[in-house]
Amino acid sequence: MIAALQIVLAITSFLLIVLILLHKGKGGGLSDLFGGGMSSSLGGSSVAERNLDRITIALALIWVAAIVALGLLLK
């Protein structure tokens, strides 16, 4: 059980990194440093961005659940 949770944690950690890097910069911060501030805003979020947000939040919840479960099992 612990090994399965560790695998889930590793996979979700990697996927969260990838998904967070796919998000469009909202201005300010490090996104401007790498050219994120040069794109113009079209005044709304697209369906793809909303879906990316939903997938990222769902994956983050799975990540948190895996950490809590590992913490309880290892305690």
C-alpha atoms as a PDB file:
ATOM      1  CA  MET A   1       0.000   0.000   0.000  1.00  0.00           C
ATOM      2  CA  ILE A   2       2.810   2.391   0.883  1.00  0.00           C
ATOM      3  CA  ALA A   3       4.646   1.659  -2.370  1.00  0.00           C
ATOM      4  CA  ALA A   4       1.494   2.304  -4.397  1.00  0.00           C
ATOM      5  CA  LEU A   5       0.943   5.646  -2.658  1.00  0.00           C
ATOM      6  CA  GLN A   6       4.568   6.616  -3.252  1.00  0.00           C
ATOM      7  CA  ILE A   7       4.166   5.862  -6.960  1.00  0.00           C
ATOM      8  CA  VAL A   8       0.944   7.894  -7.091  1.00  0.00           C
ATOM      9  CA  LEU A   9       2.710  10.752  -5.296  1.00  0.00           C
ATOM     10  CA  ALA A  10       5.648  10.699  -7.723  1.00  0.00           C
ATOM     11  CA  ILE A  11       3.411  10.638 -10.805  1.00  0.00           C
ATOM     12  CA  THR A  12       1.102  13.382  -9.551  1.00  0.00           C
ATOM     13  CA  SER A  13       4.082  15.522  -8.522  1.00  0.00           C
ATOM     14  CA  PHE A  14       5.543  15.316 -12.017  1.00  0.00           C
ATOM     15  CA  LEU A  15       2.175  16.004 -13.669  1.00  0.00           C
ATOM     16  CA  LEU A  16       1.527  18.989 -11.394  1.00  0.00           C
ATOM     17  CA  ILE A  17       4.868  20.508 -12.378  1.00  0.00           C
ATOM     18  CA  VAL A  18       4.036  20.094 -16.067  1.00  0.00           C
ATOM     19  CA  LEU A  19       0.489  21.440 -15.732  1.00  0.00           C
ATOM     20  CA  ILE A  20       1.538  24.455 -13.671  1.00  0.00           C
ATOM     21  CA  LEU A  21       4.182  25.330 -16.240  1.00  0.00           C
ATOM     22  CA  LEU A  22       1.518  25.166 -18.973  1.00  0.00           C
ATOM     23  CA  HIS A  23      -0.554  27.905 -17.350  1.00  0.00           C
ATOM     24  CA  LYS A  24      -0.427  31.323 -18.943  1.00  0.00           C
ATOM     25  CA  GLY A  25       1.232  34.035 -16.892  1.00  0.00           C
ATOM     26  CA  LYS A  26      -1.125  36.595 -15.381  1.00  0.00           C
ATOM     27  CA  GLY A  27       1.413  39.410 -15.423  1.00  0.00           C
ATOM     28  CA  GLY A  28       4.075  40.344 -12.915  1.00  0.00           C
ATOM     29  CA  GLY A  29       6.467  38.026 -11.192  1.00  0.00           C
ATOM     30  CA  LEU A  30       8.714  35.535 -12.909  1.00  0.00           C
ATOM     31  CA  SER A  31       6.438  35.158 -15.948  1.00  0.00           C
ATOM     32  CA  ASP A  32       7.483  38.647 -17.126  1.00  0.00           C
ATOM     33  CA  LEU A  33      11.136  37.736 -16.756  1.00  0.00           C
ATOM     34  CA  PHE A  34      10.806  34.997 -19.385  1.00  0.00           C
ATOM     35  CA  GLY A  35       8.644  36.943 -21.823  1.00  0.00           C
ATOM     36  CA  GLY A  36       5.230  36.148 -20.364  1.00  0.00           C
ATOM     37  CA  GLY A  37       4.323  39.822 -20.089  1.00  0.00           C
ATOM     38  CA  MET A  38       4.681  40.464 -23.807  1.00  0.00           C
ATOM     39  CA  SER A  39       1.513  38.616 -24.793  1.00  0.00           C
ATOM     40  CA  SER A  40      -1.697  40.606 -24.902  1.00  0.00           C
ATOM     41  CA  SER A  41      -4.714  39.614 -22.877  1.00  0.00           C
ATOM     42  CA  LEU A  42      -7.863  38.942 -24.887  1.00  0.00           C
ATOM     43  CA  GLY A  43     -10.158  39.798 -21.988  1.00  0.00           C
ATOM     44  CA  GLY A  44     -11.223  36.319 -20.916  1.00  0.00           C
ATOM     45  CA  SER A  45     -10.161  32.797 -20.367  1.00  0.00           C
ATOM     46  CA  SER A  46     -10.672  30.213 -23.042  1.00  0.00           C
ATOM     47  CA  VAL A  47     -12.228  26.799 -22.594  1.00  0.00           C
ATOM     48  CA  ALA A  48      -8.789  25.207 -22.732  1.00  0.00           C
ATOM     49  CA  GLU A  49      -7.529  27.395 -19.885  1.00  0.00           C
ATOM     50  CA  ARG A  50     -10.557  26.602 -17.737  1.00  0.00           C
ATOM     51  CA  ASN A  51     -10.123  22.886 -18.393  1.00  0.00           C
ATOM     52  CA  LEU A  52      -6.433  23.166 -17.544  1.00  0.00           C
ATOM     53  CA  ASP A  53      -7.394  24.856 -14.268  1.00  0.00           C
ATOM     54  CA  ARG A  54      -9.890  22.112 -13.441  1.00  0.00           C
ATOM     55  CA  ILE A  55      -7.421  19.328 -14.225  1.00  0.00           C
ATOM     56  CA  THR A  56      -4.719  21.031 -12.151  1.00  0.00           C
ATOM     57  CA  ILE A  57      -7.039  21.432  -9.150  1.00  0.00           C
ATOM     58  CA  ALA A  58      -8.230  17.813  -9.362  1.00  0.00           C
ATOM     59  CA  LEU A  59      -4.652  16.569  -9.593  1.00  0.00           C
ATOM     60  CA  ALA A  60      -3.633  18.759  -6.660  1.00  0.00           C
ATOM     61  CA  LEU A  61      -6.415  17.229  -4.555  1.00  0.00           C
ATOM     62  CA  ILE A  62      -5.182  13.723  -5.428  1.00  0.00           C
ATOM     63  CA  TRP A  63      -1.635  14.827  -4.535  1.00  0.00           C
ATOM     64  CA  VAL A  64      -2.748  16.150  -1.133  1.00  0.00           C
ATOM     65  CA  ALA A  65      -4.759  12.988  -0.432  1.00  0.00           C
ATOM     66  CA  ALA A  66      -1.713  10.840  -1.253  1.00  0.00           C
ATOM     67  CA  ILE A  67       0.472  12.876   1.112  1.00  0.00           C
ATOM     68  CA  VAL A  68      -2.071  12.659   3.938  1.00  0.00           C
ATOM     69  CA  ALA A  69      -2.526   8.910   3.408  1.00  0.00           C
ATOM     70  CA  LEU A  70       1.236   8.338   3.381  1.00  0.00           C
ATOM     71  CA  GLY A  71       1.601  10.404   6.529  1.00  0.00           C
ATOM     72  CA  LEU A  72      -1.051   8.383   8.315  1.00  0.00           C
ATOM     73  CA  LEU A  73       0.378   5.052   7.167  1.00  0.00           C
ATOM     74  CA  LEU A  74       3.941   5.922   8.117  1.00  0.00           C
ATOM     75  CA  LYS A  75       2.906   7.236  11.525  1.00  0.00           C
END
